[in-house]
Every structure is written in C-alpha cells, then in structure tokens.
Amino acid sequence: MSFYKQNRKEQNRFYDSKKWRRCREVYLSEHPLCERCLKAGRASTAEHVHHKIELTEENYKDPMIALNPEHLEALCFDCHQKEHHEGDEVGKEFYFDADGNLCSVLAKG
C-alpha cells in the first residue's frame, strides 16, 4: 500500500498547499492535453497532474521530486483512473476521488 493511501492527512496537506496548487495550475496551463492520449494520437483534455515518481514518506517534501515539472504528467480522467485504479473493477460509472472515496460519475457534475 502506498504512503498516500496510508496517510490521508499528509496527502491532503501536500495537495492543499499553495506550492502544489500553483505548480499544478502552471503545469496544466502549459500541458492542457493529456500527454498519454497525445502519444496515442488522440486529443483529450488534461484534468490531473500525475507524479511519475510515486510520492513516498521519504520524498513528498522534496521539491525536486514533488514539484519538479520533469517528474509530472498531465492526464485526462480515463488515463489517471487507469494509472491508479487499473484492475479495481469499478467501471466507467464510478471513479475514486483524491481521498480514495468511490464516487458516481453521475454526481460529478
């Protein structure tokens, strides 16, 4: 189990920080399309900024890992779900939010 699935408070502190929110905003403005879809010849709007190096208890406070654009990837909803929940058997009607809660796509609004 990853550090973030075990430590929700630390995860929320990081993802709610001004530094991360600004980093995410800038990255998405520079990469508005999903990088994986583009490689596959498709154009999908990026909604998530994914850390290519999994954040751990040892590295999540290291800006060269957690905030470095070289270690980030803009992903659409579907690619982000595949990255983090492949094999979870949830289907397209549901998704996991940032806290790991199962949510209905219909309620996503």
N, C-alpha and C. Protein backbone atom coordinates (compact mmCIF):
# COMPACT_ATOMS: atom_id res chain seq x y z
N MET A 1 0.85 -1.18 0.00
CA MET A 1 0.00 0.00 0.00
C MET A 1 0.89 1.24 0.00
N SER A 2 0.54 2.22 -0.81
CA SER A 2 1.36 3.42 -0.93
C SER A 2 1.28 4.30 0.31
N PHE A 3 2.26 5.15 0.43
CA PHE A 3 2.31 6.11 1.54
C PHE A 3 1.03 6.92 1.61
N TYR A 4 0.55 7.37 0.45
CA TYR A 4 -0.62 8.24 0.45
C TYR A 4 -1.91 7.53 0.80
N LYS A 5 -2.02 6.26 0.52
CA LYS A 5 -3.23 5.54 0.93
C LYS A 5 -3.22 5.34 2.43
N GLN A 6 -2.06 5.34 3.04
CA GLN A 6 -1.95 5.15 4.49
C GLN A 6 -2.01 6.46 5.26
N ASN A 7 -1.67 7.56 4.63
CA ASN A 7 -1.51 8.84 5.34
C ASN A 7 -2.32 9.94 4.67
N ARG A 8 -3.63 9.89 4.79
CA ARG A 8 -4.51 10.85 4.13
C ARG A 8 -4.27 12.30 4.59
N LYS A 9 -3.98 12.50 5.87
CA LYS A 9 -3.76 13.87 6.36
C LYS A 9 -2.54 14.49 5.69
N GLU A 10 -1.46 13.73 5.58
CA GLU A 10 -0.26 14.23 4.92
C GLU A 10 -0.53 14.48 3.44
N GLN A 11 -1.28 13.58 2.82
CA GLN A 11 -1.64 13.75 1.41
C GLN A 11 -2.42 15.05 1.23
N ASN A 12 -3.43 15.26 2.05
CA ASN A 12 -4.24 16.47 1.94
C ASN A 12 -3.42 17.73 2.18
N ARG A 13 -2.52 17.69 3.14
CA ARG A 13 -1.66 18.84 3.41
C ARG A 13 -0.84 19.20 2.18
N PHE A 14 -0.27 18.19 1.55
CA PHE A 14 0.54 18.45 0.36
C PHE A 14 -0.32 18.98 -0.78
N TYR A 15 -1.40 18.27 -1.11
CA TYR A 15 -2.22 18.66 -2.26
C TYR A 15 -3.02 19.95 -2.02
N ASP A 16 -3.19 20.36 -0.78
CA ASP A 16 -3.85 21.63 -0.48
C ASP A 16 -2.86 22.79 -0.36
N SER A 17 -1.57 22.50 -0.43
CA SER A 17 -0.56 23.55 -0.26
C SER A 17 -0.58 24.52 -1.44
N LYS A 18 -0.23 25.77 -1.15
CA LYS A 18 -0.15 26.79 -2.20
C LYS A 18 0.88 26.40 -3.25
N LYS A 19 2.00 25.82 -2.82
CA LYS A 19 3.05 25.45 -3.77
C LYS A 19 2.55 24.40 -4.77
N TRP A 20 1.84 23.36 -4.27
CA TRP A 20 1.34 22.34 -5.18
C TRP A 20 0.24 22.90 -6.09
N ARG A 21 -0.69 23.66 -5.52
CA ARG A 21 -1.78 24.20 -6.34
C ARG A 21 -1.23 25.08 -7.46
N ARG A 22 -0.23 25.89 -7.16
CA ARG A 22 0.39 26.76 -8.17
C ARG A 22 1.13 25.92 -9.21
N CYS A 23 1.88 24.94 -8.75
CA CYS A 23 2.62 24.05 -9.65
C CYS A 23 1.65 23.35 -10.60
N ARG A 24 0.56 22.83 -10.07
CA ARG A 24 -0.45 22.13 -10.86
C ARG A 24 -1.08 23.08 -11.89
N GLU A 25 -1.43 24.28 -11.44
CA GLU A 25 -2.05 25.28 -12.32
C GLU A 25 -1.13 25.62 -13.50
N VAL A 26 0.13 25.87 -13.20
CA VAL A 26 1.09 26.22 -14.25
C VAL A 26 1.29 25.04 -15.19
N TYR A 27 1.44 23.84 -14.62
CA TYR A 27 1.68 22.66 -15.46
C TYR A 27 0.51 22.42 -16.41
N LEU A 28 -0.72 22.50 -15.90
CA LEU A 28 -1.89 22.28 -16.76
C LEU A 28 -2.05 23.39 -17.80
N SER A 29 -1.64 24.61 -17.47
CA SER A 29 -1.72 25.68 -18.47
C SER A 29 -0.72 25.44 -19.60
N GLU A 30 0.41 24.83 -19.28
CA GLU A 30 1.42 24.53 -20.28
C GLU A 30 1.16 23.21 -21.00
N HIS A 31 0.37 22.32 -20.38
CA HIS A 31 0.05 21.00 -20.94
C HIS A 31 -1.46 20.77 -20.82
N PRO A 32 -2.26 21.46 -21.62
CA PRO A 32 -3.71 21.35 -21.48
C PRO A 32 -4.31 20.03 -21.97
N LEU A 33 -3.51 19.26 -22.72
CA LEU A 33 -4.00 17.98 -23.24
C LEU A 33 -3.28 16.82 -22.57
N CYS A 34 -3.99 15.71 -22.47
CA CYS A 34 -3.43 14.50 -21.85
C CYS A 34 -2.20 14.05 -22.64
N GLU A 35 -1.08 13.91 -21.94
CA GLU A 35 0.17 13.55 -22.60
C GLU A 35 0.14 12.11 -23.13
N ARG A 36 -0.53 11.21 -22.44
CA ARG A 36 -0.61 9.82 -22.91
C ARG A 36 -1.51 9.70 -24.13
N CYS A 37 -2.64 10.40 -24.11
CA CYS A 37 -3.53 10.38 -25.28
C CYS A 37 -2.84 10.96 -26.50
N LEU A 38 -2.09 12.04 -26.31
CA LEU A 38 -1.36 12.64 -27.44
C LEU A 38 -0.39 11.65 -28.06
N LYS A 39 0.30 10.88 -27.22
CA LYS A 39 1.23 9.87 -27.73
C LYS A 39 0.51 8.80 -28.53
N ALA A 40 -0.77 8.57 -28.20
CA ALA A 40 -1.58 7.56 -28.89
C ALA A 40 -2.35 8.17 -30.06
N GLY A 41 -2.12 9.45 -30.35
CA GLY A 41 -2.78 10.10 -31.48
C GLY A 41 -4.18 10.62 -31.19
N ARG A 42 -4.51 10.77 -29.90
CA ARG A 42 -5.82 11.30 -29.50
C ARG A 42 -5.62 12.62 -28.78
N ALA A 43 -6.68 13.43 -28.76
CA ALA A 43 -6.64 14.69 -28.02
C ALA A 43 -7.72 14.66 -26.94
N SER A 44 -7.29 14.65 -25.68
CA SER A 44 -8.21 14.67 -24.54
C SER A 44 -7.75 15.75 -23.58
N THR A 45 -8.70 16.45 -22.99
CA THR A 45 -8.37 17.50 -22.03
C THR A 45 -7.75 16.89 -20.77
N ALA A 46 -6.64 17.46 -20.34
CA ALA A 46 -5.99 17.01 -19.11
C ALA A 46 -6.74 17.58 -17.91
N GLU A 47 -7.00 16.73 -16.93
CA GLU A 47 -7.68 17.14 -15.70
C GLU A 47 -6.82 16.92 -14.47
N HIS A 48 -5.82 16.07 -14.60
CA HIS A 48 -5.00 15.69 -13.45
C HIS A 48 -3.53 15.90 -13.77
N VAL A 49 -2.75 16.19 -12.74
CA VAL A 49 -1.30 16.22 -12.86
C VAL A 49 -0.78 15.04 -12.04
N HIS A 50 -0.17 14.10 -12.74
CA HIS A 50 0.30 12.85 -12.14
C HIS A 50 1.79 12.93 -11.84
N HIS A 51 2.18 12.40 -10.69
CA HIS A 51 3.60 12.29 -10.34
C HIS A 51 4.14 11.00 -10.95
N LYS A 52 5.10 11.12 -11.86
CA LYS A 52 5.69 9.94 -12.48
C LYS A 52 6.51 9.14 -11.48
N ILE A 53 7.08 9.83 -10.51
CA ILE A 53 7.78 9.17 -9.40
C ILE A 53 6.80 9.16 -8.24
N GLU A 54 6.40 7.97 -7.79
CA GLU A 54 5.42 7.89 -6.71
C GLU A 54 5.92 8.62 -5.48
N LEU A 55 5.07 9.45 -4.92
CA LEU A 55 5.44 10.16 -3.70
C LEU A 55 5.39 9.21 -2.52
N THR A 56 6.42 9.31 -1.70
CA THR A 56 6.54 8.46 -0.52
C THR A 56 6.77 9.34 0.70
N GLU A 57 6.79 8.71 1.86
CA GLU A 57 7.07 9.44 3.09
C GLU A 57 8.45 10.10 3.04
N GLU A 58 9.37 9.46 2.32
CA GLU A 58 10.73 9.98 2.23
C GLU A 58 10.88 11.12 1.23
N ASN A 59 10.04 11.18 0.19
CA ASN A 59 10.30 12.17 -0.86
C ASN A 59 9.23 13.24 -1.06
N TYR A 60 8.07 13.14 -0.41
CA TYR A 60 6.99 14.07 -0.74
C TYR A 60 7.29 15.51 -0.34
N LYS A 61 8.23 15.74 0.55
CA LYS A 61 8.60 17.11 0.92
C LYS A 61 9.78 17.64 0.09
N ASP A 62 10.31 16.81 -0.79
CA ASP A 62 11.44 17.20 -1.63
C ASP A 62 10.90 17.86 -2.90
N PRO A 63 11.08 19.18 -3.05
CA PRO A 63 10.54 19.87 -4.22
C PRO A 63 11.13 19.38 -5.54
N MET A 64 12.34 18.81 -5.52
CA MET A 64 12.93 18.29 -6.75
C MET A 64 12.20 17.02 -7.22
N ILE A 65 11.43 16.41 -6.35
CA ILE A 65 10.60 15.26 -6.72
C ILE A 65 9.15 15.71 -6.86
N ALA A 66 8.60 16.29 -5.82
CA ALA A 66 7.16 16.57 -5.75
C ALA A 66 6.70 17.73 -6.63
N LEU A 67 7.58 18.69 -6.90
CA LEU A 67 7.18 19.89 -7.65
C LEU A 67 7.97 20.08 -8.95
N ASN A 68 8.78 19.14 -9.30
CA ASN A 68 9.62 19.24 -10.49
C ASN A 68 8.82 18.87 -11.74
N PRO A 69 8.65 19.80 -12.68
CA PRO A 69 7.87 19.51 -13.89
C PRO A 69 8.38 18.31 -14.69
N GLU A 70 9.67 17.99 -14.56
CA GLU A 70 10.21 16.83 -15.26
C GLU A 70 9.62 15.52 -14.74
N HIS A 71 9.08 15.56 -13.52
CA HIS A 71 8.52 14.36 -12.91
C HIS A 71 6.99 14.37 -12.90
N LEU A 72 6.40 15.27 -13.68
CA LEU A 72 4.94 15.39 -13.73
C LEU A 72 4.43 15.01 -15.11
N GLU A 73 3.14 14.68 -15.16
CA GLU A 73 2.50 14.29 -16.41
C GLU A 73 1.04 14.72 -16.36
N ALA A 74 0.59 15.43 -17.40
CA ALA A 74 -0.81 15.85 -17.50
C ALA A 74 -1.62 14.68 -18.04
N LEU A 75 -2.69 14.31 -17.31
CA LEU A 75 -3.51 13.16 -17.71
C LEU A 75 -4.98 13.52 -17.75
N CYS A 76 -5.71 12.89 -18.66
CA CYS A 76 -7.17 13.00 -18.68
C CYS A 76 -7.73 12.10 -17.58
N PHE A 77 -9.02 12.22 -17.35
CA PHE A 77 -9.69 11.42 -16.33
C PHE A 77 -9.44 9.93 -16.53
N ASP A 78 -9.67 9.44 -17.76
CA ASP A 78 -9.54 8.00 -18.03
C ASP A 78 -8.11 7.49 -17.81
N CYS A 79 -7.12 8.23 -18.31
CA CYS A 79 -5.73 7.79 -18.13
C CYS A 79 -5.31 7.82 -16.66
N HIS A 80 -5.79 8.81 -15.92
CA HIS A 80 -5.47 8.88 -14.50
C HIS A 80 -6.11 7.70 -13.75
N GLN A 81 -7.35 7.37 -14.09
CA GLN A 81 -8.01 6.22 -13.47
C GLN A 81 -7.25 4.93 -13.78
N LYS A 82 -6.82 4.76 -15.03
CA LYS A 82 -6.07 3.56 -15.41
C LYS A 82 -4.77 3.48 -14.62
N GLU A 83 -4.10 4.62 -14.46
CA GLU A 83 -2.82 4.65 -13.74
C GLU A 83 -2.97 4.20 -12.29
N HIS A 84 -4.00 4.69 -11.63
CA HIS A 84 -4.12 4.44 -10.19
C HIS A 84 -5.09 3.34 -9.81
N HIS A 85 -5.99 2.97 -10.72
CA HIS A 85 -7.03 2.02 -10.33
C HIS A 85 -7.23 0.89 -11.33
N GLU A 86 -6.21 0.61 -12.14
CA GLU A 86 -6.29 -0.50 -13.09
C GLU A 86 -6.58 -1.78 -12.31
N GLY A 87 -7.59 -2.49 -12.74
CA GLY A 87 -7.92 -3.75 -12.08
C GLY A 87 -8.83 -3.61 -10.88
N ASP A 88 -9.23 -2.39 -10.55
CA ASP A 88 -10.12 -2.20 -9.39
C ASP A 88 -11.56 -2.58 -9.71
N GLU A 89 -11.85 -2.88 -10.99
CA GLU A 89 -13.18 -3.33 -11.39
C GLU A 89 -14.28 -2.33 -11.03
N VAL A 90 -14.01 -1.04 -11.20
CA VAL A 90 -15.00 -0.05 -10.82
C VAL A 90 -15.92 0.31 -11.99
N GLY A 91 -15.41 0.30 -13.19
CA GLY A 91 -16.22 0.65 -14.34
C GLY A 91 -16.25 2.15 -14.57
N LYS A 92 -16.87 2.56 -15.68
CA LYS A 92 -16.90 3.97 -16.03
C LYS A 92 -17.97 4.75 -15.29
N GLU A 93 -18.86 4.07 -14.56
CA GLU A 93 -19.91 4.78 -13.82
C GLU A 93 -19.37 5.37 -12.52
N PHE A 94 -18.19 4.92 -12.11
CA PHE A 94 -17.63 5.34 -10.83
C PHE A 94 -16.18 5.76 -11.01
N TYR A 95 -15.69 6.52 -10.04
CA TYR A 95 -14.29 6.91 -10.01
C TYR A 95 -13.89 7.08 -8.55
N PHE A 96 -12.59 7.17 -8.31
CA PHE A 96 -12.07 7.42 -6.97
C PHE A 96 -11.65 8.88 -6.90
N ASP A 97 -12.07 9.59 -5.85
CA ASP A 97 -11.66 10.98 -5.68
C ASP A 97 -10.27 11.03 -5.05
N ALA A 98 -9.77 12.23 -4.77
CA ALA A 98 -8.42 12.41 -4.22
C ALA A 98 -8.25 11.74 -2.86
N ASP A 99 -9.35 11.52 -2.15
CA ASP A 99 -9.28 10.87 -0.84
C ASP A 99 -9.48 9.36 -0.92
N GLY A 100 -9.64 8.84 -2.15
CA GLY A 100 -9.83 7.41 -2.31
C GLY A 100 -11.26 6.95 -2.15
N ASN A 101 -12.19 7.90 -2.07
CA ASN A 101 -13.61 7.56 -1.93
C ASN A 101 -14.19 7.19 -3.29
N LEU A 102 -15.05 6.17 -3.31
CA LEU A 102 -15.74 5.76 -4.53
C LEU A 102 -16.89 6.72 -4.78
N CYS A 103 -16.92 7.34 -5.97
CA CYS A 103 -17.94 8.34 -6.30
C CYS A 103 -18.61 7.99 -7.62
N SER A 104 -19.84 8.41 -7.78
CA SER A 104 -20.58 8.19 -9.02
C SER A 104 -20.24 9.28 -10.02
N VAL A 105 -20.02 8.89 -11.27
CA VAL A 105 -19.75 9.86 -12.33
C VAL A 105 -20.97 10.75 -12.52
N LEU A 106 -22.16 10.21 -12.32
CA LEU A 106 -23.38 10.99 -12.48
C LEU A 106 -23.45 12.16 -11.51
N ALA A 107 -22.86 12.00 -10.33
CA ALA A 107 -22.87 13.06 -9.33
C ALA A 107 -21.70 14.03 -9.49
N LYS A 108 -20.79 13.72 -10.43
CA LYS A 108 -19.58 14.53 -10.60
C LYS A 108 -19.89 15.95 -11.03
N GLY A 109 -20.94 16.14 -11.84
CA GLY A 109 -21.43 17.45 -12.25
C GLY A 109 -20.40 18.35 -12.69
